[in-house]
């Protein structure tokens, strides 16, 4: 199924990582996802 908001850079993405994940890795993932829209880091269980 197409994700039109992501296709035009207006999507909303959640990023959840294990404790201790390197900041450099998280920043790289955010950079990878950013063209699809807003990226929000969330805690496990949210």
Protein backbone atom coordinates (compact mmCIF):
# COMPACT_ATOMS: atom_id res chain seq x y z
CA UNK A 1 0.00 0.00 0.00
CA UNK A 2 1.48 3.39 -0.94
CA UNK A 3 2.37 5.80 1.83
CA UNK A 4 1.56 9.14 0.22
CA UNK A 5 2.65 11.34 3.17
CA UNK A 6 6.07 9.66 3.24
CA UNK A 7 6.35 9.94 -0.53
CA UNK A 8 6.02 13.73 -0.29
CA UNK A 9 8.16 14.12 2.85
CA UNK A 10 5.25 14.69 5.24
CA UNK A 11 5.21 11.32 7.02
CA UNK A 12 5.67 10.60 10.73
CA UNK A 13 8.18 7.94 11.74
CA UNK A 14 8.95 6.56 15.20
CA UNK A 15 12.43 5.32 16.11
CA UNK A 16 12.94 3.05 19.10
CA UNK A 17 16.33 1.52 19.94
CA UNK A 18 17.80 -0.62 22.69
CA UNK A 19 19.50 1.13 25.59
CA UNK A 20 23.15 1.61 24.82
CA UNK A 21 22.69 2.04 21.07
CA UNK A 22 25.42 4.36 19.83
CA UNK A 23 24.32 7.94 19.18
CA UNK A 24 26.19 7.88 15.86
CA UNK A 25 24.08 4.91 14.74
CA UNK A 26 20.81 6.57 15.78
CA UNK A 27 21.78 9.78 14.01
CA UNK A 28 22.52 7.79 10.85
CA UNK A 29 19.14 6.08 11.00
CA UNK A 30 17.42 9.44 11.49
CA UNK A 31 19.28 10.83 8.47
CA UNK A 32 18.17 7.82 6.43
CA UNK A 33 14.51 8.23 7.41
CA UNK A 34 14.33 12.05 7.37
CA UNK A 35 13.43 12.44 3.67
CA UNK A 36 10.15 10.62 4.40
CA UNK A 37 9.10 13.14 7.07
CA UNK A 38 9.43 13.83 10.78
CA UNK A 39 11.40 11.29 12.84
CA UNK A 40 10.64 11.05 16.56
CA UNK A 41 12.64 8.97 19.03
CA UNK A 42 10.40 7.10 21.44
CA UNK A 43 11.01 4.86 24.45
CA UNK A 44 10.12 1.17 24.41
CA UNK A 45 6.48 0.76 25.41
CA UNK A 46 5.20 4.03 23.96
